Amino acid sequence: HPIYAVALTPDGQYAAAGRGNKISVYHVPSGEQVGQLPDPALLSIEYQGQPMYEPGSSHRDFVHALAFNATGTMLASASYREVKLW
């Protein structure tokens, strides 16, 4: 999936990437993915008995913007008409 949004912690150790409607977190020095930020509430949304969102989805729509706070301990993600704090 292409990356539409990216953010770096102020110390440059971690990067968050919005890939479609998912958010992945990477350790920059090693290049390793260290986690994802799934929203478990999206798993309960169904249409005609089928789940609408894959496991690991962070938003209903594409992640368009990401930003870490000044200490790098909180991430804000934005999608269509929605902002989440992680």
N, C-alpha and C. Protein backbone atom coordinates (compact mmCIF):
# COMPACT_ATOMS: atom_id res chain seq x y z
N HIS A 1 0.83 -1.18 0.00
CA HIS A 1 0.00 0.00 0.00
C HIS A 1 0.88 1.25 0.00
N PRO A 2 0.51 2.24 -0.77
CA PRO A 2 1.31 3.48 -0.80
C PRO A 2 1.16 4.25 0.51
N ILE A 3 2.16 5.04 0.82
CA ILE A 3 2.15 5.88 2.02
C ILE A 3 1.62 7.25 1.64
N TYR A 4 0.55 7.69 2.34
CA TYR A 4 -0.05 9.00 2.08
C TYR A 4 0.31 10.02 3.14
N ALA A 5 0.78 9.56 4.30
CA ALA A 5 1.14 10.48 5.39
C ALA A 5 2.30 9.87 6.18
N VAL A 6 3.16 10.74 6.71
CA VAL A 6 4.28 10.27 7.51
C VAL A 6 4.59 11.31 8.59
N ALA A 7 5.08 10.84 9.74
CA ALA A 7 5.49 11.73 10.82
C ALA A 7 6.69 11.10 11.52
N LEU A 8 7.58 11.94 12.02
CA LEU A 8 8.77 11.51 12.75
C LEU A 8 8.72 12.05 14.16
N THR A 9 9.17 11.25 15.14
CA THR A 9 9.26 11.76 16.50
C THR A 9 10.35 12.84 16.53
N PRO A 10 10.28 13.78 17.47
CA PRO A 10 11.28 14.85 17.52
C PRO A 10 12.72 14.35 17.65
N ASP A 11 12.93 13.20 18.29
CA ASP A 11 14.29 12.67 18.42
C ASP A 11 14.73 11.85 17.21
N GLY A 12 13.83 11.65 16.24
CA GLY A 12 14.16 10.94 15.01
C GLY A 12 14.25 9.43 15.16
N GLN A 13 13.81 8.89 16.28
CA GLN A 13 13.92 7.44 16.52
C GLN A 13 12.78 6.64 15.88
N TYR A 14 11.60 7.25 15.79
CA TYR A 14 10.44 6.52 15.29
C TYR A 14 9.73 7.31 14.20
N ALA A 15 9.16 6.58 13.26
CA ALA A 15 8.38 7.17 12.18
C ALA A 15 7.05 6.44 12.10
N ALA A 16 5.99 7.18 11.86
CA ALA A 16 4.67 6.61 11.64
C ALA A 16 4.31 6.84 10.18
N ALA A 17 3.75 5.82 9.55
CA ALA A 17 3.38 5.91 8.14
C ALA A 17 1.93 5.50 7.97
N GLY A 18 1.16 6.33 7.27
CA GLY A 18 -0.22 6.00 6.95
C GLY A 18 -0.26 5.28 5.62
N ARG A 19 -0.55 4.00 5.65
CA ARG A 19 -0.64 3.17 4.43
C ARG A 19 -2.10 2.81 4.22
N GLY A 20 -2.75 3.50 3.32
CA GLY A 20 -4.18 3.29 3.13
C GLY A 20 -4.91 3.73 4.39
N ASN A 21 -5.66 2.82 5.01
CA ASN A 21 -6.36 3.17 6.25
C ASN A 21 -5.68 2.58 7.48
N LYS A 22 -4.42 2.18 7.35
CA LYS A 22 -3.67 1.60 8.46
C LYS A 22 -2.48 2.49 8.81
N ILE A 23 -2.05 2.42 10.08
CA ILE A 23 -0.88 3.17 10.53
C ILE A 23 0.16 2.18 11.03
N SER A 24 1.36 2.27 10.46
CA SER A 24 2.49 1.44 10.88
C SER A 24 3.52 2.33 11.54
N VAL A 25 4.18 1.80 12.57
CA VAL A 25 5.23 2.54 13.28
C VAL A 25 6.55 1.81 13.06
N TYR A 26 7.58 2.57 12.71
CA TYR A 26 8.90 2.01 12.40
C TYR A 26 9.97 2.60 13.30
N HIS A 27 10.96 1.78 13.65
CA HIS A 27 12.16 2.25 14.35
C HIS A 27 13.13 2.68 13.26
N VAL A 28 13.41 3.97 13.19
CA VAL A 28 14.19 4.53 12.07
C VAL A 28 15.60 3.97 11.98
N PRO A 29 16.39 3.91 13.07
CA PRO A 29 17.77 3.43 12.94
C PRO A 29 17.88 2.00 12.39
N SER A 30 16.94 1.13 12.79
CA SER A 30 17.01 -0.26 12.33
C SER A 30 16.17 -0.51 11.08
N GLY A 31 15.19 0.38 10.81
CA GLY A 31 14.30 0.19 9.67
C GLY A 31 13.23 -0.86 9.90
N GLU A 32 13.12 -1.35 11.12
CA GLU A 32 12.15 -2.40 11.44
C GLU A 32 10.78 -1.82 11.80
N GLN A 33 9.74 -2.52 11.37
CA GLN A 33 8.39 -2.14 11.80
C GLN A 33 8.23 -2.63 13.23
N VAL A 34 7.84 -1.74 14.14
CA VAL A 34 7.70 -2.11 15.54
C VAL A 34 6.25 -2.23 15.98
N GLY A 35 5.32 -1.85 15.12
CA GLY A 35 3.92 -2.01 15.49
C GLY A 35 2.97 -1.37 14.51
N GLN A 36 1.69 -1.64 14.77
CA GLN A 36 0.60 -1.03 14.04
C GLN A 36 -0.36 -0.44 15.06
N LEU A 37 -1.20 0.47 14.63
CA LEU A 37 -2.17 1.10 15.51
C LEU A 37 -3.59 0.77 15.04
N PRO A 38 -4.10 -0.40 15.42
CA PRO A 38 -5.45 -0.77 14.99
C PRO A 38 -6.52 -0.18 15.90
N ASP A 39 -7.68 0.12 15.33
CA ASP A 39 -8.84 0.55 16.10
C ASP A 39 -9.77 -0.65 16.20
N PRO A 40 -9.86 -1.29 17.38
CA PRO A 40 -10.70 -2.49 17.51
C PRO A 40 -12.18 -2.24 17.25
N ALA A 41 -12.64 -1.00 17.37
CA ALA A 41 -14.05 -0.69 17.13
C ALA A 41 -14.43 -0.93 15.67
N LEU A 42 -13.47 -0.84 14.76
CA LEU A 42 -13.77 -1.04 13.33
C LEU A 42 -14.09 -2.49 13.01
N LEU A 43 -13.63 -3.43 13.84
CA LEU A 43 -13.88 -4.85 13.58
C LEU A 43 -15.35 -5.22 13.75
N SER A 44 -16.09 -4.44 14.53
CA SER A 44 -17.49 -4.77 14.76
C SER A 44 -18.42 -4.23 13.68
N ILE A 45 -17.92 -3.45 12.74
CA ILE A 45 -18.75 -2.88 11.67
C ILE A 45 -18.89 -3.89 10.54
N GLU A 46 -20.12 -4.26 10.26
CA GLU A 46 -20.39 -5.27 9.23
C GLU A 46 -21.41 -4.76 8.22
N TYR A 47 -21.36 -5.36 7.05
CA TYR A 47 -22.34 -5.11 6.01
C TYR A 47 -22.76 -6.46 5.45
N GLN A 48 -24.02 -6.78 5.55
CA GLN A 48 -24.56 -8.06 5.10
C GLN A 48 -23.79 -9.23 5.70
N GLY A 49 -23.49 -9.11 6.98
CA GLY A 49 -22.83 -10.19 7.71
C GLY A 49 -21.33 -10.30 7.48
N GLN A 50 -20.76 -9.43 6.69
CA GLN A 50 -19.32 -9.48 6.41
C GLN A 50 -18.63 -8.26 7.02
N PRO A 51 -17.43 -8.43 7.60
CA PRO A 51 -16.72 -7.27 8.15
C PRO A 51 -16.35 -6.29 7.04
N MET A 52 -16.49 -5.00 7.33
CA MET A 52 -16.18 -3.98 6.33
C MET A 52 -14.70 -3.61 6.33
N TYR A 53 -14.01 -3.85 7.45
CA TYR A 53 -12.61 -3.43 7.56
C TYR A 53 -11.73 -4.60 7.95
N GLU A 54 -10.53 -4.63 7.38
CA GLU A 54 -9.56 -5.67 7.69
C GLU A 54 -9.04 -5.50 9.11
N PRO A 55 -8.61 -6.59 9.75
CA PRO A 55 -7.95 -6.45 11.04
C PRO A 55 -6.71 -5.55 10.88
N GLY A 56 -6.46 -4.71 11.85
CA GLY A 56 -5.33 -3.80 11.78
C GLY A 56 -5.67 -2.44 11.23
N SER A 57 -6.92 -2.23 10.81
CA SER A 57 -7.32 -0.93 10.26
C SER A 57 -7.37 0.12 11.38
N SER A 58 -6.89 1.31 11.05
CA SER A 58 -6.85 2.40 12.01
C SER A 58 -8.00 3.39 11.80
N HIS A 59 -8.39 3.58 10.55
CA HIS A 59 -9.45 4.53 10.20
C HIS A 59 -10.37 3.89 9.17
N ARG A 60 -11.53 4.50 8.98
CA ARG A 60 -12.47 4.05 7.94
C ARG A 60 -11.99 4.44 6.55
N ASP A 61 -11.30 5.55 6.43
CA ASP A 61 -10.84 6.07 5.15
C ASP A 61 -9.31 6.18 5.19
N PHE A 62 -8.72 6.66 4.11
CA PHE A 62 -7.27 6.83 4.06
C PHE A 62 -6.78 7.74 5.18
N VAL A 63 -5.60 7.45 5.70
CA VAL A 63 -4.94 8.32 6.67
C VAL A 63 -4.26 9.42 5.86
N HIS A 64 -4.72 10.66 6.05
CA HIS A 64 -4.21 11.78 5.26
C HIS A 64 -3.16 12.62 5.97
N ALA A 65 -3.10 12.55 7.30
CA ALA A 65 -2.13 13.36 8.04
C ALA A 65 -1.75 12.68 9.34
N LEU A 66 -0.49 12.84 9.73
CA LEU A 66 0.03 12.31 10.99
C LEU A 66 0.91 13.36 11.64
N ALA A 67 0.91 13.42 12.97
CA ALA A 67 1.78 14.36 13.68
C ALA A 67 2.03 13.85 15.09
N PHE A 68 3.31 13.83 15.51
CA PHE A 68 3.68 13.49 16.88
C PHE A 68 3.66 14.76 17.73
N ASN A 69 3.42 14.61 19.04
CA ASN A 69 3.53 15.76 19.93
C ASN A 69 5.01 16.05 20.18
N ALA A 70 5.29 17.10 20.94
CA ALA A 70 6.67 17.56 21.14
C ALA A 70 7.56 16.55 21.86
N THR A 71 6.97 15.66 22.65
CA THR A 71 7.78 14.66 23.36
C THR A 71 7.81 13.32 22.62
N GLY A 72 7.02 13.17 21.58
CA GLY A 72 7.00 11.93 20.81
C GLY A 72 6.21 10.82 21.47
N THR A 73 5.40 11.15 22.47
CA THR A 73 4.64 10.13 23.20
C THR A 73 3.20 9.99 22.72
N MET A 74 2.74 10.89 21.87
CA MET A 74 1.37 10.83 21.36
C MET A 74 1.39 11.12 19.87
N LEU A 75 0.53 10.40 19.15
CA LEU A 75 0.42 10.58 17.71
C LEU A 75 -1.02 10.97 17.38
N ALA A 76 -1.18 11.98 16.55
CA ALA A 76 -2.49 12.36 16.03
C ALA A 76 -2.57 11.89 14.59
N SER A 77 -3.67 11.25 14.24
CA SER A 77 -3.88 10.81 12.86
C SER A 77 -5.20 11.38 12.36
N ALA A 78 -5.21 11.79 11.10
CA ALA A 78 -6.40 12.39 10.52
C ALA A 78 -6.81 11.65 9.26
N SER A 79 -8.12 11.48 9.16
CA SER A 79 -8.74 10.86 8.00
C SER A 79 -9.92 11.75 7.63
N TYR A 80 -10.75 11.31 6.71
CA TYR A 80 -11.90 12.11 6.29
C TYR A 80 -12.82 12.35 7.48
N ARG A 81 -12.93 13.60 7.91
CA ARG A 81 -13.81 14.03 8.99
C ARG A 81 -13.54 13.33 10.32
N GLU A 82 -12.29 12.95 10.57
CA GLU A 82 -11.99 12.22 11.80
C GLU A 82 -10.54 12.44 12.21
N VAL A 83 -10.32 12.66 13.50
CA VAL A 83 -8.98 12.76 14.07
C VAL A 83 -8.93 11.82 15.26
N LYS A 84 -7.86 11.05 15.36
CA LYS A 84 -7.68 10.13 16.48
C LYS A 84 -6.34 10.42 17.15
N LEU A 85 -6.34 10.27 18.48
CA LEU A 85 -5.11 10.42 19.25
C LEU A 85 -4.69 9.05 19.75
N TRP A 86 -3.43 8.72 19.56
CA TRP A 86 -2.90 7.40 19.93
C TRP A 86 -1.83 7.58 21.00
